[in-house]
Every structure is written in structure tokens, then in C-alpha cells.
Amino acid sequence: MRTLTIFVKNLASKAAPRAVSLFNRGEVPASMALSRTMLRLPPGDASCDSLAFRDLDQHQELKSNMTSKDVVFEAAVPPHTALTVLVTCCQSDRLIIV
């Protein structure tokens, strides 16, 4: 059985095109990463050059990964927990760095 699973859901909103759930069914905390490829954003869409992430359970903005071109989000997910985030396309000057 897989202990780490990532689901990506397409949304109708152009400003917030994806919702993502990261599931850790394992017994220990796990570092999970989300790549731009996994989001399947439309190629050449300049409005999605920069991305913001919002935790839908905790109602707070999350830190984007700005050190890698492909990995756009990383999180430590506790055991037996799911983290659900809203992915929002934004301008570079709107990025939230925590």
C-alpha cells in the first residue's frame, strides 16, 4: 500500500486553477513535494508564472518554494494526515514569503 499520495483537482477558476491534497498514510512524518508538472498548468500561461498556496484547513498562506524551478511547494505532512491547499496564479509582486 502506498503511504504517500498526492491528488490534483482541476478547478473552474482561472485565478485559482487547482486544489491539491497531500496524504500521508504512513507512521512517520514525511516531506512531500509538488512540482509544476504535477499541476498540469496550461503551457505558456504567463498569469501562472508565479504561484501562491493556501492551506484550506488552517486558513493561512503557505510558503512557496522559490529555490527550485520545478518543485513549487514542499511540506512536512504528519503521519495519518492530509494537507489540502488551494493553488493560486499570481503576479510576482504578490508572492507571500513566510
N, C-alpha and C. Protein backbone atom coordinates (compact mmCIF):
# COMPACT_ATOMS: atom_id res chain seq x y z
N MET A 1 0.83 -1.18 0.00
CA MET A 1 0.00 0.00 0.00
C MET A 1 0.89 1.25 0.00
N ARG A 2 0.52 2.20 -0.81
CA ARG A 2 1.24 3.47 -0.83
C ARG A 2 0.97 4.25 0.44
N THR A 3 2.02 4.82 1.00
CA THR A 3 1.82 5.63 2.20
C THR A 3 1.72 7.11 1.87
N LEU A 4 2.28 7.55 0.73
CA LEU A 4 2.22 8.95 0.33
C LEU A 4 1.48 9.07 -0.98
N THR A 5 0.46 9.93 -1.01
CA THR A 5 -0.35 10.10 -2.21
C THR A 5 -0.66 11.58 -2.39
N ILE A 6 -0.62 12.03 -3.66
CA ILE A 6 -0.96 13.41 -3.99
C ILE A 6 -2.06 13.40 -5.03
N PHE A 7 -3.15 14.11 -4.73
CA PHE A 7 -4.26 14.27 -5.68
C PHE A 7 -4.31 15.73 -6.13
N VAL A 8 -4.48 15.93 -7.44
CA VAL A 8 -4.60 17.27 -8.01
C VAL A 8 -5.97 17.37 -8.66
N LYS A 9 -6.73 18.40 -8.29
CA LYS A 9 -8.08 18.61 -8.83
C LYS A 9 -8.11 19.89 -9.64
N ASN A 10 -8.56 19.79 -10.89
CA ASN A 10 -8.75 20.98 -11.72
C ASN A 10 -9.99 21.73 -11.23
N LEU A 11 -9.86 23.06 -11.11
CA LEU A 11 -10.98 23.90 -10.71
C LEU A 11 -11.39 24.80 -11.87
N ALA A 12 -12.60 25.30 -11.85
CA ALA A 12 -13.11 26.14 -12.93
C ALA A 12 -12.51 27.54 -12.92
N SER A 13 -12.00 27.99 -11.79
CA SER A 13 -11.46 29.34 -11.66
C SER A 13 -10.12 29.48 -12.36
N LYS A 14 -9.97 30.51 -13.18
CA LYS A 14 -8.69 30.76 -13.85
C LYS A 14 -7.65 31.30 -12.87
N ALA A 15 -8.11 32.06 -11.87
CA ALA A 15 -7.19 32.63 -10.87
C ALA A 15 -6.70 31.57 -9.88
N ALA A 16 -7.53 30.60 -9.58
CA ALA A 16 -7.17 29.50 -8.67
C ALA A 16 -7.46 28.19 -9.38
N PRO A 17 -6.59 27.78 -10.30
CA PRO A 17 -6.91 26.66 -11.19
C PRO A 17 -6.81 25.26 -10.59
N ARG A 18 -6.20 25.11 -9.38
CA ARG A 18 -6.01 23.76 -8.85
C ARG A 18 -6.20 23.73 -7.33
N ALA A 19 -6.68 22.59 -6.85
CA ALA A 19 -6.66 22.25 -5.43
C ALA A 19 -5.84 20.96 -5.33
N VAL A 20 -5.05 20.86 -4.29
CA VAL A 20 -4.16 19.71 -4.13
C VAL A 20 -4.29 19.16 -2.72
N SER A 21 -4.37 17.83 -2.62
CA SER A 21 -4.36 17.16 -1.32
C SER A 21 -3.15 16.25 -1.25
N LEU A 22 -2.39 16.39 -0.18
CA LEU A 22 -1.21 15.56 0.07
C LEU A 22 -1.55 14.65 1.25
N PHE A 23 -1.56 13.34 1.03
CA PHE A 23 -1.94 12.38 2.06
C PHE A 23 -0.71 11.61 2.53
N ASN A 24 -0.54 11.54 3.84
CA ASN A 24 0.49 10.70 4.44
C ASN A 24 -0.20 9.63 5.26
N ARG A 25 -0.26 8.43 4.73
CA ARG A 25 -0.90 7.32 5.45
C ARG A 25 0.11 6.54 6.28
N GLY A 26 1.35 7.01 6.26
CA GLY A 26 2.43 6.31 6.96
C GLY A 26 2.43 6.56 8.46
N GLU A 27 3.42 5.95 9.11
CA GLU A 27 3.56 6.02 10.56
C GLU A 27 4.49 7.14 11.02
N VAL A 28 5.20 7.77 10.09
CA VAL A 28 6.16 8.83 10.44
C VAL A 28 5.89 10.06 9.57
N PRO A 29 6.29 11.26 10.04
CA PRO A 29 6.13 12.46 9.20
C PRO A 29 6.89 12.28 7.88
N ALA A 30 6.38 12.91 6.83
CA ALA A 30 7.01 12.77 5.51
C ALA A 30 7.11 14.13 4.84
N SER A 31 8.22 14.36 4.19
CA SER A 31 8.39 15.56 3.37
C SER A 31 7.79 15.26 2.00
N MET A 32 6.85 16.09 1.57
CA MET A 32 6.20 15.87 0.28
C MET A 32 6.39 17.11 -0.58
N ALA A 33 6.64 16.90 -1.86
CA ALA A 33 6.91 18.00 -2.78
C ALA A 33 5.91 17.97 -3.93
N LEU A 34 5.59 19.16 -4.40
CA LEU A 34 4.67 19.34 -5.52
C LEU A 34 5.43 20.05 -6.63
N SER A 35 5.43 19.45 -7.81
CA SER A 35 6.13 20.06 -8.94
C SER A 35 5.14 20.76 -9.87
N ARG A 36 5.66 21.66 -10.65
CA ARG A 36 4.84 22.37 -11.64
C ARG A 36 4.24 21.36 -12.63
N THR A 37 4.98 20.34 -12.96
CA THR A 37 4.50 19.30 -13.88
C THR A 37 3.27 18.59 -13.32
N MET A 38 3.28 18.32 -12.03
CA MET A 38 2.15 17.64 -11.39
C MET A 38 0.88 18.48 -11.44
N LEU A 39 1.02 19.80 -11.46
CA LEU A 39 -0.15 20.69 -11.50
C LEU A 39 -0.80 20.74 -12.88
N ARG A 40 -0.05 20.36 -13.91
CA ARG A 40 -0.56 20.35 -15.29
C ARG A 40 -1.20 21.69 -15.66
N LEU A 41 -0.49 22.77 -15.36
CA LEU A 41 -0.97 24.10 -15.75
C LEU A 41 -0.80 24.29 -17.24
N PRO A 42 -1.64 25.10 -17.87
CA PRO A 42 -1.53 25.31 -19.32
C PRO A 42 -0.15 25.89 -19.67
N PRO A 43 0.52 25.33 -20.67
CA PRO A 43 1.83 25.86 -21.06
C PRO A 43 1.70 27.26 -21.64
N GLY A 44 2.66 28.11 -21.33
CA GLY A 44 2.67 29.46 -21.89
C GLY A 44 1.71 30.41 -21.23
N ASP A 45 1.07 30.01 -20.13
CA ASP A 45 0.15 30.90 -19.43
C ASP A 45 0.95 31.79 -18.48
N ALA A 46 1.22 33.02 -18.90
CA ALA A 46 2.06 33.94 -18.13
C ALA A 46 1.43 34.30 -16.79
N SER A 47 0.11 34.23 -16.69
CA SER A 47 -0.55 34.58 -15.42
C SER A 47 -0.24 33.55 -14.33
N CYS A 48 0.26 32.38 -14.71
CA CYS A 48 0.60 31.35 -13.72
C CYS A 48 2.10 31.15 -13.59
N ASP A 49 2.88 32.15 -13.96
CA ASP A 49 4.32 32.05 -13.77
C ASP A 49 4.67 31.98 -12.29
N SER A 50 3.92 32.70 -11.46
CA SER A 50 4.12 32.69 -10.00
C SER A 50 2.90 32.07 -9.35
N LEU A 51 3.13 31.28 -8.32
CA LEU A 51 2.05 30.57 -7.65
C LEU A 51 2.03 30.88 -6.16
N ALA A 52 0.84 30.93 -5.59
CA ALA A 52 0.66 31.07 -4.14
C ALA A 52 -0.13 29.85 -3.66
N PHE A 53 0.10 29.49 -2.40
CA PHE A 53 -0.53 28.30 -1.83
C PHE A 53 -1.22 28.67 -0.53
N ARG A 54 -2.47 28.19 -0.36
CA ARG A 54 -3.24 28.48 0.85
C ARG A 54 -3.74 27.19 1.46
N ASP A 55 -3.44 26.98 2.73
CA ASP A 55 -3.92 25.82 3.48
C ASP A 55 -5.41 26.00 3.71
N LEU A 56 -6.23 25.12 3.17
CA LEU A 56 -7.68 25.26 3.28
C LEU A 56 -8.22 24.85 4.64
N ASP A 57 -7.47 24.06 5.41
CA ASP A 57 -7.91 23.67 6.75
C ASP A 57 -7.54 24.73 7.79
N GLN A 58 -6.32 25.26 7.70
CA GLN A 58 -5.84 26.23 8.67
C GLN A 58 -6.13 27.68 8.28
N HIS A 59 -6.61 27.89 7.05
CA HIS A 59 -6.95 29.23 6.55
C HIS A 59 -5.75 30.18 6.61
N GLN A 60 -4.61 29.71 6.10
CA GLN A 60 -3.42 30.56 6.10
C GLN A 60 -2.60 30.33 4.84
N GLU A 61 -1.86 31.38 4.47
CA GLU A 61 -0.97 31.30 3.31
C GLU A 61 0.23 30.45 3.67
N LEU A 62 0.72 29.68 2.70
CA LEU A 62 1.88 28.82 2.90
C LEU A 62 3.04 29.31 2.05
N LYS A 63 4.22 28.93 2.43
CA LYS A 63 5.43 29.36 1.75
C LYS A 63 5.61 28.60 0.44
N SER A 64 5.89 29.34 -0.63
CA SER A 64 6.22 28.75 -1.92
C SER A 64 7.69 28.37 -1.94
N ASN A 65 8.04 27.38 -2.75
CA ASN A 65 9.44 27.01 -2.91
C ASN A 65 10.00 27.85 -4.05
N MET A 66 10.89 28.77 -3.72
CA MET A 66 11.45 29.65 -4.74
C MET A 66 12.88 29.27 -5.10
N THR A 67 13.38 28.15 -4.56
CA THR A 67 14.76 27.75 -4.81
C THR A 67 14.89 26.76 -5.96
N SER A 68 13.78 26.22 -6.41
CA SER A 68 13.81 25.23 -7.48
C SER A 68 12.87 25.66 -8.60
N LYS A 69 13.30 25.41 -9.82
CA LYS A 69 12.46 25.77 -10.97
C LYS A 69 11.26 24.82 -11.10
N ASP A 70 11.45 23.54 -10.79
CA ASP A 70 10.38 22.58 -10.98
C ASP A 70 9.55 22.36 -9.72
N VAL A 71 10.19 22.19 -8.56
CA VAL A 71 9.45 21.97 -7.32
C VAL A 71 8.93 23.31 -6.84
N VAL A 72 7.60 23.44 -6.76
CA VAL A 72 6.99 24.72 -6.41
C VAL A 72 6.48 24.77 -4.97
N PHE A 73 6.35 23.60 -4.33
CA PHE A 73 5.83 23.58 -2.97
C PHE A 73 6.34 22.33 -2.25
N GLU A 74 6.75 22.50 -1.00
CA GLU A 74 7.17 21.38 -0.17
C GLU A 74 6.55 21.54 1.21
N ALA A 75 6.17 20.42 1.82
CA ALA A 75 5.59 20.47 3.16
C ALA A 75 5.93 19.19 3.91
N ALA A 76 6.07 19.32 5.22
CA ALA A 76 6.21 18.16 6.09
C ALA A 76 4.79 17.79 6.53
N VAL A 77 4.36 16.60 6.14
CA VAL A 77 3.00 16.16 6.44
C VAL A 77 3.07 15.13 7.57
N PRO A 78 2.40 15.40 8.70
CA PRO A 78 2.43 14.46 9.83
C PRO A 78 1.81 13.12 9.45
N PRO A 79 2.10 12.07 10.22
CA PRO A 79 1.53 10.75 9.92
C PRO A 79 0.00 10.77 10.02
N HIS A 80 -0.64 9.99 9.17
CA HIS A 80 -2.10 9.83 9.15
C HIS A 80 -2.81 11.17 9.00
N THR A 81 -2.26 12.03 8.14
CA THR A 81 -2.80 13.38 7.95
C THR A 81 -2.86 13.72 6.47
N ALA A 82 -3.81 14.60 6.13
CA ALA A 82 -3.90 15.15 4.78
C ALA A 82 -3.74 16.66 4.86
N LEU A 83 -3.03 17.22 3.92
CA LEU A 83 -2.88 18.67 3.79
C LEU A 83 -3.53 19.05 2.47
N THR A 84 -4.53 19.94 2.52
CA THR A 84 -5.23 20.37 1.32
C THR A 84 -4.95 21.84 1.08
N VAL A 85 -4.45 22.15 -0.13
CA VAL A 85 -4.07 23.52 -0.45
C VAL A 85 -4.75 23.98 -1.74
N LEU A 86 -5.01 25.27 -1.79
CA LEU A 86 -5.52 25.93 -2.99
C LEU A 86 -4.33 26.56 -3.69
N VAL A 87 -4.18 26.29 -4.97
CA VAL A 87 -3.09 26.86 -5.77
C VAL A 87 -3.66 28.05 -6.54
N THR A 88 -3.02 29.22 -6.36
CA THR A 88 -3.49 30.44 -6.99
C THR A 88 -2.40 31.01 -7.89
N CYS A 89 -2.79 31.40 -9.11
CA CYS A 89 -1.88 32.09 -10.01
C CYS A 89 -1.81 33.54 -9.55
N CYS A 90 -0.61 34.11 -9.53
CA CYS A 90 -0.49 35.49 -9.07
C CYS A 90 0.68 36.19 -9.75
N GLN A 91 0.71 37.48 -9.60
CA GLN A 91 1.81 38.28 -10.11
C GLN A 91 2.99 38.08 -9.17
N SER A 92 4.20 38.25 -9.67
CA SER A 92 5.41 38.05 -8.88
C SER A 92 5.44 38.94 -7.65
N ASP A 93 4.89 40.15 -7.72
CA ASP A 93 4.93 41.06 -6.60
C ASP A 93 3.92 40.70 -5.51
N ARG A 94 3.05 39.72 -5.74
CA ARG A 94 2.04 39.30 -4.75
C ARG A 94 2.48 38.06 -3.98
N LEU A 95 3.61 37.49 -4.31
CA LEU A 95 4.06 36.28 -3.63
C LEU A 95 4.22 36.54 -2.14
N ILE A 96 3.81 35.57 -1.36
CA ILE A 96 3.93 35.66 0.09
C ILE A 96 5.07 34.75 0.52
N ILE A 97 6.06 35.33 1.15
CA ILE A 97 7.20 34.56 1.63
C ILE A 97 7.18 34.63 3.15
N VAL A 98 7.04 33.48 3.78
CA VAL A 98 6.92 33.44 5.24
C VAL A 98 8.23 33.01 5.84
